[in-house]
Amino acid sequence: MLKVKIVRLNKQAVLPVYATAHAAGMDISACLDAPVTLEPFTTALIPSGFSLELPEGYEAQLRPRSGLALRSLISLPNTPATIDADYRGEVKVILINYGKNPFTVSHGDRIAQMVVAKVEQVCFEEVGALGRTVRGEGGFGHTGTGLR
């Protein structure tokens, strides 16, 4: 199991936790002094109350919680958000309300999920042409009834 250092910046912060034994993502909770209300089609930067020290070669991705998206149309506009291994600031979540009704976030509410994943930096090799494939340049629905 990968060990990741974590600092609780606020004594009331709820640290990330896996909800089930086989969950890929950990729940991230809001760390707020007072509730924050998102009006329809507005965003808010919600603090988590903790910071991380990810090992070199790893990132953390913040993703929407499916239940919030389904029930209230609450999401992350920059999904997946990336936390780099060299970032040491507080983890914060940009939430957006795509719904028609105001949505209130309170301290301790689970607002996102975080997945830690291995990443590899690449070194590009500039060439004159790329190898051919059956798919070629087909994209944007090329296998269905979309654009061709």
N, C-alpha and C. Protein backbone atom coordinates (compact mmCIF):
# COMPACT_ATOMS: atom_id res chain seq x y z
N MET A 1 0.85 -1.18 0.00
CA MET A 1 0.00 0.00 0.00
C MET A 1 0.89 1.24 0.00
N LEU A 2 0.55 2.21 -0.83
CA LEU A 2 1.30 3.45 -0.95
C LEU A 2 1.05 4.33 0.27
N LYS A 3 2.12 4.85 0.86
CA LYS A 3 1.99 5.75 2.00
C LYS A 3 2.08 7.19 1.50
N VAL A 4 1.12 8.01 1.90
CA VAL A 4 1.06 9.42 1.52
C VAL A 4 0.98 10.24 2.80
N LYS A 5 1.88 11.22 2.93
CA LYS A 5 1.87 12.09 4.10
C LYS A 5 0.72 13.09 3.97
N ILE A 6 0.05 13.34 5.10
CA ILE A 6 -1.08 14.26 5.13
C ILE A 6 -0.99 15.13 6.38
N VAL A 7 -1.34 16.40 6.23
CA VAL A 7 -1.34 17.34 7.36
C VAL A 7 -2.75 17.89 7.50
N ARG A 8 -3.28 17.80 8.69
CA ARG A 8 -4.59 18.38 8.99
C ARG A 8 -4.35 19.86 9.31
N LEU A 9 -4.79 20.75 8.43
CA LEU A 9 -4.58 22.19 8.59
C LEU A 9 -5.61 22.82 9.51
N ASN A 10 -6.71 22.14 9.69
CA ASN A 10 -7.80 22.60 10.55
C ASN A 10 -8.19 21.42 11.42
N LYS A 11 -8.23 21.62 12.73
CA LYS A 11 -8.51 20.48 13.62
C LYS A 11 -9.88 19.86 13.38
N GLN A 12 -10.78 20.60 12.71
CA GLN A 12 -12.12 20.08 12.40
C GLN A 12 -12.17 19.35 11.06
N ALA A 13 -11.07 19.32 10.33
CA ALA A 13 -11.05 18.70 9.01
C ALA A 13 -11.34 17.20 9.09
N VAL A 14 -12.11 16.72 8.13
CA VAL A 14 -12.36 15.29 7.97
C VAL A 14 -11.36 14.80 6.94
N LEU A 15 -10.49 13.88 7.33
CA LEU A 15 -9.48 13.39 6.40
C LEU A 15 -10.12 12.45 5.38
N PRO A 16 -9.49 12.33 4.19
CA PRO A 16 -10.04 11.46 3.14
C PRO A 16 -10.18 10.02 3.64
N VAL A 17 -11.25 9.38 3.18
CA VAL A 17 -11.49 8.01 3.61
C VAL A 17 -12.18 7.23 2.49
N TYR A 18 -11.80 5.96 2.35
CA TYR A 18 -12.47 5.06 1.41
C TYR A 18 -13.79 4.62 2.06
N ALA A 19 -14.90 4.74 1.33
CA ALA A 19 -16.20 4.38 1.89
C ALA A 19 -16.41 2.87 1.93
N THR A 20 -15.76 2.15 1.01
CA THR A 20 -15.88 0.69 0.99
C THR A 20 -14.50 0.08 0.77
N ALA A 21 -14.39 -1.21 0.99
CA ALA A 21 -13.11 -1.90 0.88
C ALA A 21 -12.51 -1.85 -0.52
N HIS A 22 -13.33 -1.77 -1.54
CA HIS A 22 -12.83 -1.81 -2.92
C HIS A 22 -13.04 -0.49 -3.66
N ALA A 23 -13.30 0.58 -2.92
CA ALA A 23 -13.50 1.89 -3.55
C ALA A 23 -12.20 2.36 -4.20
N ALA A 24 -12.30 2.94 -5.38
CA ALA A 24 -11.13 3.51 -6.06
C ALA A 24 -10.82 4.90 -5.53
N GLY A 25 -11.86 5.63 -5.14
CA GLY A 25 -11.69 7.00 -4.68
C GLY A 25 -12.03 7.16 -3.22
N MET A 26 -11.34 8.12 -2.60
CA MET A 26 -11.60 8.48 -1.21
C MET A 26 -12.55 9.67 -1.18
N ASP A 27 -13.47 9.69 -0.25
CA ASP A 27 -14.37 10.83 -0.10
C ASP A 27 -13.60 12.02 0.47
N ILE A 28 -13.83 13.19 -0.12
CA ILE A 28 -13.27 14.45 0.35
C ILE A 28 -14.42 15.26 0.93
N SER A 29 -14.23 15.78 2.12
CA SER A 29 -15.29 16.53 2.81
C SER A 29 -14.94 18.00 2.89
N ALA A 30 -15.98 18.82 2.92
CA ALA A 30 -15.82 20.26 3.05
C ALA A 30 -15.36 20.60 4.47
N CYS A 31 -14.48 21.58 4.58
CA CYS A 31 -14.02 22.07 5.88
C CYS A 31 -14.35 23.56 5.93
N LEU A 32 -15.51 23.87 6.50
CA LEU A 32 -16.05 25.22 6.45
C LEU A 32 -16.37 25.76 7.84
N ASP A 33 -16.17 27.05 8.02
CA ASP A 33 -16.59 27.73 9.25
C ASP A 33 -18.08 28.05 9.20
N ALA A 34 -18.60 28.25 7.99
CA ALA A 34 -20.01 28.55 7.80
C ALA A 34 -20.45 27.92 6.47
N PRO A 35 -21.72 27.57 6.36
CA PRO A 35 -22.21 26.99 5.10
C PRO A 35 -21.99 27.92 3.91
N VAL A 36 -21.83 27.31 2.74
CA VAL A 36 -21.67 28.05 1.49
C VAL A 36 -22.80 27.62 0.57
N THR A 37 -23.53 28.60 0.02
CA THR A 37 -24.62 28.30 -0.89
C THR A 37 -24.21 28.63 -2.31
N LEU A 38 -24.33 27.65 -3.17
CA LEU A 38 -24.07 27.83 -4.59
C LEU A 38 -25.40 28.08 -5.28
N GLU A 39 -25.54 29.26 -5.85
CA GLU A 39 -26.72 29.55 -6.66
C GLU A 39 -26.57 28.80 -7.98
N PRO A 40 -27.66 28.63 -8.72
CA PRO A 40 -27.55 27.94 -10.01
C PRO A 40 -26.49 28.57 -10.91
N PHE A 41 -25.70 27.73 -11.53
CA PHE A 41 -24.65 28.10 -12.48
C PHE A 41 -23.58 29.01 -11.87
N THR A 42 -23.30 28.79 -10.59
CA THR A 42 -22.19 29.50 -9.94
C THR A 42 -21.20 28.47 -9.41
N THR A 43 -19.99 28.95 -9.14
CA THR A 43 -18.94 28.09 -8.59
C THR A 43 -18.52 28.60 -7.23
N ALA A 44 -17.88 27.72 -6.47
CA ALA A 44 -17.28 28.09 -5.19
C ALA A 44 -16.06 27.22 -4.97
N LEU A 45 -15.04 27.80 -4.36
CA LEU A 45 -13.83 27.07 -4.01
C LEU A 45 -13.98 26.62 -2.56
N ILE A 46 -14.09 25.32 -2.36
CA ILE A 46 -14.39 24.75 -1.05
C ILE A 46 -13.12 24.12 -0.46
N PRO A 47 -12.69 24.58 0.71
CA PRO A 47 -11.49 24.01 1.33
C PRO A 47 -11.77 22.64 1.95
N SER A 48 -10.69 21.84 2.03
CA SER A 48 -10.79 20.51 2.64
C SER A 48 -10.20 20.47 4.04
N GLY A 49 -9.32 21.43 4.35
CA GLY A 49 -8.69 21.45 5.67
C GLY A 49 -7.46 20.57 5.79
N PHE A 50 -6.94 20.05 4.67
CA PHE A 50 -5.73 19.23 4.73
C PHE A 50 -4.86 19.51 3.51
N SER A 51 -3.58 19.13 3.64
CA SER A 51 -2.65 19.16 2.51
C SER A 51 -1.93 17.82 2.46
N LEU A 52 -1.36 17.53 1.29
CA LEU A 52 -0.74 16.22 1.03
C LEU A 52 0.71 16.37 0.60
N GLU A 53 1.45 15.31 0.78
CA GLU A 53 2.78 15.17 0.17
C GLU A 53 2.77 13.86 -0.60
N LEU A 54 2.44 13.98 -1.88
CA LEU A 54 2.40 12.79 -2.73
C LEU A 54 3.82 12.40 -3.12
N PRO A 55 4.10 11.11 -3.23
CA PRO A 55 5.43 10.69 -3.70
C PRO A 55 5.66 11.11 -5.15
N GLU A 56 6.90 11.34 -5.50
CA GLU A 56 7.26 11.66 -6.88
C GLU A 56 6.73 10.55 -7.79
N GLY A 57 6.16 10.94 -8.92
CA GLY A 57 5.62 9.95 -9.86
C GLY A 57 4.15 9.64 -9.62
N TYR A 58 3.50 10.38 -8.71
CA TYR A 58 2.09 10.17 -8.42
C TYR A 58 1.34 11.49 -8.52
N GLU A 59 0.06 11.40 -8.74
CA GLU A 59 -0.84 12.55 -8.72
C GLU A 59 -2.09 12.15 -7.95
N ALA A 60 -2.85 13.13 -7.54
CA ALA A 60 -4.19 12.88 -6.99
C ALA A 60 -5.17 13.57 -7.92
N GLN A 61 -6.22 12.87 -8.28
CA GLN A 61 -7.27 13.44 -9.11
C GLN A 61 -8.52 13.64 -8.27
N LEU A 62 -9.12 14.82 -8.39
CA LEU A 62 -10.39 15.10 -7.73
C LEU A 62 -11.48 14.92 -8.77
N ARG A 63 -12.52 14.20 -8.38
CA ARG A 63 -13.62 13.88 -9.29
C ARG A 63 -14.95 14.13 -8.60
N PRO A 64 -16.00 14.33 -9.39
CA PRO A 64 -17.32 14.53 -8.79
C PRO A 64 -17.80 13.28 -8.06
N ARG A 65 -18.70 13.48 -7.12
CA ARG A 65 -19.39 12.35 -6.48
C ARG A 65 -20.66 12.09 -7.29
N SER A 66 -20.87 10.85 -7.67
CA SER A 66 -21.99 10.52 -8.56
C SER A 66 -23.34 10.86 -7.94
N GLY A 67 -23.49 10.66 -6.65
CA GLY A 67 -24.76 10.96 -5.99
C GLY A 67 -25.09 12.44 -6.04
N LEU A 68 -24.10 13.30 -5.81
CA LEU A 68 -24.33 14.75 -5.89
C LEU A 68 -24.69 15.16 -7.31
N ALA A 69 -24.01 14.56 -8.27
CA ALA A 69 -24.29 14.88 -9.67
C ALA A 69 -25.71 14.44 -10.05
N LEU A 70 -26.10 13.26 -9.64
CA LEU A 70 -27.42 12.73 -10.00
C LEU A 70 -28.54 13.50 -9.31
N ARG A 71 -28.42 13.69 -8.01
CA ARG A 71 -29.52 14.29 -7.24
C ARG A 71 -29.58 15.81 -7.35
N SER A 72 -28.41 16.48 -7.40
CA SER A 72 -28.41 17.94 -7.30
C SER A 72 -27.69 18.64 -8.42
N LEU A 73 -27.14 17.89 -9.38
CA LEU A 73 -26.37 18.47 -10.49
C LEU A 73 -25.17 19.28 -10.01
N ILE A 74 -24.53 18.78 -8.95
CA ILE A 74 -23.31 19.40 -8.42
C ILE A 74 -22.13 18.63 -8.98
N SER A 75 -21.15 19.35 -9.54
CA SER A 75 -20.01 18.71 -10.17
C SER A 75 -18.75 19.55 -9.96
N LEU A 76 -17.68 19.12 -10.60
CA LEU A 76 -16.43 19.86 -10.63
C LEU A 76 -16.22 20.33 -12.07
N PRO A 77 -16.10 21.63 -12.30
CA PRO A 77 -15.98 22.09 -13.67
C PRO A 77 -14.65 21.72 -14.32
N ASN A 78 -13.64 21.43 -13.53
CA ASN A 78 -12.32 21.08 -14.05
C ASN A 78 -12.01 19.60 -13.82
N THR A 79 -13.01 18.76 -13.95
CA THR A 79 -12.82 17.36 -13.65
C THR A 79 -12.09 16.61 -14.76
N PRO A 80 -11.15 15.75 -14.46
CA PRO A 80 -10.61 15.61 -13.12
C PRO A 80 -9.60 16.70 -12.80
N ALA A 81 -9.70 17.23 -11.62
CA ALA A 81 -8.71 18.20 -11.15
C ALA A 81 -7.46 17.43 -10.75
N THR A 82 -6.30 18.00 -11.01
CA THR A 82 -5.04 17.32 -10.72
C THR A 82 -4.30 18.00 -9.59
N ILE A 83 -3.86 17.20 -8.63
CA ILE A 83 -2.96 17.67 -7.57
C ILE A 83 -1.61 17.04 -7.87
N ASP A 84 -0.63 17.88 -8.17
CA ASP A 84 0.71 17.40 -8.51
C ASP A 84 1.49 17.02 -7.27
N ALA A 85 2.49 16.18 -7.47
CA ALA A 85 3.31 15.68 -6.37
C ALA A 85 4.08 16.79 -5.66
N ASP A 86 4.35 17.89 -6.33
CA ASP A 86 5.12 18.96 -5.69
C ASP A 86 4.24 20.05 -5.08
N TYR A 87 2.92 19.90 -5.10
CA TYR A 87 2.01 20.88 -4.49
C TYR A 87 1.90 20.60 -3.00
N ARG A 88 2.03 21.62 -2.19
CA ARG A 88 1.96 21.46 -0.74
C ARG A 88 0.87 22.29 -0.08
N GLY A 89 0.06 22.97 -0.88
CA GLY A 89 -1.01 23.79 -0.32
C GLY A 89 -2.22 22.96 0.06
N GLU A 90 -3.19 23.67 0.59
CA GLU A 90 -4.44 23.01 0.99
C GLU A 90 -5.16 22.47 -0.24
N VAL A 91 -5.70 21.28 -0.13
CA VAL A 91 -6.52 20.72 -1.19
C VAL A 91 -7.86 21.45 -1.14
N LYS A 92 -8.23 22.03 -2.28
CA LYS A 92 -9.51 22.73 -2.40
C LYS A 92 -10.24 22.19 -3.61
N VAL A 93 -11.56 22.24 -3.55
CA VAL A 93 -12.40 21.67 -4.59
C VAL A 93 -13.25 22.78 -5.20
N ILE A 94 -13.18 22.92 -6.52
CA ILE A 94 -14.06 23.85 -7.22
C ILE A 94 -15.36 23.11 -7.49
N LEU A 95 -16.43 23.57 -6.88
CA LEU A 95 -17.75 22.99 -7.13
C LEU A 95 -18.55 23.92 -8.02
N ILE A 96 -19.39 23.33 -8.87
CA ILE A 96 -20.31 24.10 -9.70
C ILE A 96 -21.71 23.52 -9.56
N ASN A 97 -22.68 24.41 -9.53
CA ASN A 97 -24.08 24.01 -9.43
C ASN A 97 -24.70 24.13 -10.82
N TYR A 98 -24.89 23.00 -11.49
CA TYR A 98 -25.54 22.97 -12.80
C TYR A 98 -27.06 22.90 -12.67
N GLY A 99 -27.54 22.84 -11.44
CA GLY A 99 -28.97 22.68 -11.22
C GLY A 99 -29.75 23.97 -11.29
N LYS A 100 -31.07 23.86 -11.09
CA LYS A 100 -31.97 25.01 -11.12
C LYS A 100 -32.19 25.61 -9.74
N ASN A 101 -31.77 24.89 -8.68
CA ASN A 101 -32.02 25.34 -7.32
C ASN A 101 -30.70 25.61 -6.59
N PRO A 102 -30.71 26.53 -5.62
CA PRO A 102 -29.51 26.75 -4.80
C PRO A 102 -29.13 25.45 -4.09
N PHE A 103 -27.84 25.28 -3.85
CA PHE A 103 -27.33 24.10 -3.15
C PHE A 103 -26.39 24.57 -2.05
N THR A 104 -26.63 24.11 -0.84
CA THR A 104 -25.81 24.54 0.31
C THR A 104 -24.85 23.44 0.71
N VAL A 105 -23.59 23.83 0.85
CA VAL A 105 -22.53 22.94 1.32
C VAL A 105 -22.24 23.30 2.78
N SER A 106 -22.24 22.30 3.63
CA SER A 106 -21.96 22.50 5.06
C SER A 106 -20.68 21.78 5.45
N HIS A 107 -20.13 22.17 6.58
CA HIS A 107 -18.91 21.51 7.08
C HIS A 107 -19.16 20.00 7.19
N GLY A 108 -18.21 19.22 6.70
CA GLY A 108 -18.29 17.77 6.79
C GLY A 108 -19.01 17.10 5.63
N ASP A 109 -19.68 17.88 4.79
CA ASP A 109 -20.35 17.28 3.62
C ASP A 109 -19.32 16.67 2.68
N ARG A 110 -19.61 15.48 2.18
CA ARG A 110 -18.74 14.85 1.19
C ARG A 110 -19.00 15.51 -0.15
N ILE A 111 -17.96 16.14 -0.71
CA ILE A 111 -18.16 16.98 -1.89
C ILE A 111 -17.45 16.48 -3.14
N ALA A 112 -16.51 15.57 -2.99
CA ALA A 112 -15.74 15.07 -4.14
C ALA A 112 -15.12 13.74 -3.75
N GLN A 113 -14.48 13.12 -4.72
CA GLN A 113 -13.68 11.94 -4.42
C GLN A 113 -12.29 12.14 -4.99
N MET A 114 -11.33 11.52 -4.35
CA MET A 114 -9.93 11.67 -4.74
C MET A 114 -9.34 10.30 -5.05
N VAL A 115 -8.71 10.21 -6.23
CA VAL A 115 -8.04 8.99 -6.66
C VAL A 115 -6.56 9.30 -6.81
N VAL A 116 -5.72 8.53 -6.17
CA VAL A 116 -4.26 8.68 -6.29
C VAL A 116 -3.79 7.69 -7.34
N ALA A 117 -3.02 8.20 -8.31
CA ALA A 117 -2.60 7.35 -9.43
C ALA A 117 -1.14 7.62 -9.79
N LYS A 118 -0.50 6.60 -10.30
CA LYS A 118 0.86 6.72 -10.79
C LYS A 118 0.83 7.44 -12.14
N VAL A 119 1.78 8.33 -12.33
CA VAL A 119 1.91 9.03 -13.61
C VAL A 119 3.35 8.94 -14.08
N GLU A 120 3.52 9.09 -15.36
CA GLU A 120 4.86 9.06 -15.92
C GLU A 120 5.02 10.25 -16.85
N GLN A 121 6.11 10.97 -16.68
CA GLN A 121 6.39 12.07 -17.60
C GLN A 121 6.96 11.47 -18.88
N VAL A 122 6.70 12.15 -19.98
CA VAL A 122 7.15 11.65 -21.27
C VAL A 122 8.18 12.59 -21.88
N CYS A 123 8.91 12.05 -22.81
CA CYS A 123 9.87 12.82 -23.60
C CYS A 123 9.41 12.66 -25.04
N PHE A 124 9.00 13.77 -25.67
CA PHE A 124 8.51 13.70 -27.04
C PHE A 124 9.66 13.54 -28.01
N GLU A 125 9.43 12.72 -29.03
CA GLU A 125 10.37 12.54 -30.12
C GLU A 125 9.69 13.06 -31.38
N GLU A 126 10.14 14.18 -31.88
CA GLU A 126 9.52 14.76 -33.07
C GLU A 126 9.94 13.95 -34.29
N VAL A 127 8.91 13.54 -35.08
CA VAL A 127 9.13 12.74 -36.28
C VAL A 127 8.36 13.38 -37.44
N GLY A 128 8.62 12.93 -38.65
CA GLY A 128 7.95 13.47 -39.83
C GLY A 128 6.56 12.92 -40.04
N ALA A 129 6.30 11.70 -39.56
CA ALA A 129 4.99 11.07 -39.75
C ALA A 129 4.78 10.04 -38.66
N LEU A 130 3.52 9.70 -38.43
CA LEU A 130 3.16 8.70 -37.43
C LEU A 130 2.81 7.39 -38.13
N GLY A 131 2.92 6.29 -37.40
CA GLY A 131 2.55 4.99 -37.95
C GLY A 131 1.07 4.95 -38.29
N ARG A 132 0.71 4.15 -39.30
CA ARG A 132 -0.68 4.03 -39.74
C ARG A 132 -1.42 3.00 -38.90
N THR A 133 -2.72 3.26 -38.72
CA THR A 133 -3.62 2.31 -38.05
C THR A 133 -4.91 2.23 -38.85
N VAL A 134 -5.74 1.23 -38.58
CA VAL A 134 -7.03 1.11 -39.24
C VAL A 134 -7.90 2.32 -38.90
N ARG A 135 -7.85 2.76 -37.66
CA ARG A 135 -8.66 3.90 -37.23
C ARG A 135 -8.19 5.19 -37.87
N GLY A 136 -6.90 5.35 -38.00
CA GLY A 136 -6.36 6.58 -38.58
C GLY A 136 -6.75 7.80 -37.79
N GLU A 137 -7.31 8.80 -38.46
CA GLU A 137 -7.69 10.05 -37.82
C GLU A 137 -9.14 10.07 -37.37
N GLY A 138 -9.82 8.92 -37.43
CA GLY A 138 -11.23 8.87 -37.03
C GLY A 138 -11.40 9.15 -35.55
N GLY A 139 -12.29 10.05 -35.24
CA GLY A 139 -12.57 10.41 -33.86
C GLY A 139 -13.96 11.00 -33.73
N PHE A 140 -14.32 11.41 -32.54
CA PHE A 140 -15.60 12.08 -32.29
C PHE A 140 -16.78 11.29 -32.84
N GLY A 141 -16.90 10.04 -32.41
CA GLY A 141 -18.04 9.22 -32.81
C GLY A 141 -17.86 8.50 -34.12
N HIS A 142 -16.64 8.35 -34.57
CA HIS A 142 -16.41 7.73 -35.88
C HIS A 142 -16.88 6.28 -35.94
N THR A 143 -17.01 5.61 -34.81
CA THR A 143 -17.44 4.20 -34.83
C THR A 143 -18.95 4.05 -34.75
N GLY A 144 -19.65 5.16 -34.52
CA GLY A 144 -21.11 5.09 -34.43
C GLY A 144 -21.74 5.92 -35.53
N THR A 145 -22.77 6.64 -35.17
CA THR A 145 -23.49 7.43 -36.17
C THR A 145 -23.08 8.89 -36.12
N GLY A 146 -22.00 9.19 -35.40
CA GLY A 146 -21.55 10.58 -35.25
C GLY A 146 -20.80 11.06 -36.46
N LEU A 147 -19.94 12.02 -36.25
CA LEU A 147 -19.15 12.63 -37.32
C LEU A 147 -18.19 11.64 -37.96
N ARG A 148 -17.97 11.81 -39.23
CA ARG A 148 -17.01 10.97 -39.96
C ARG A 148 -16.13 11.83 -40.80
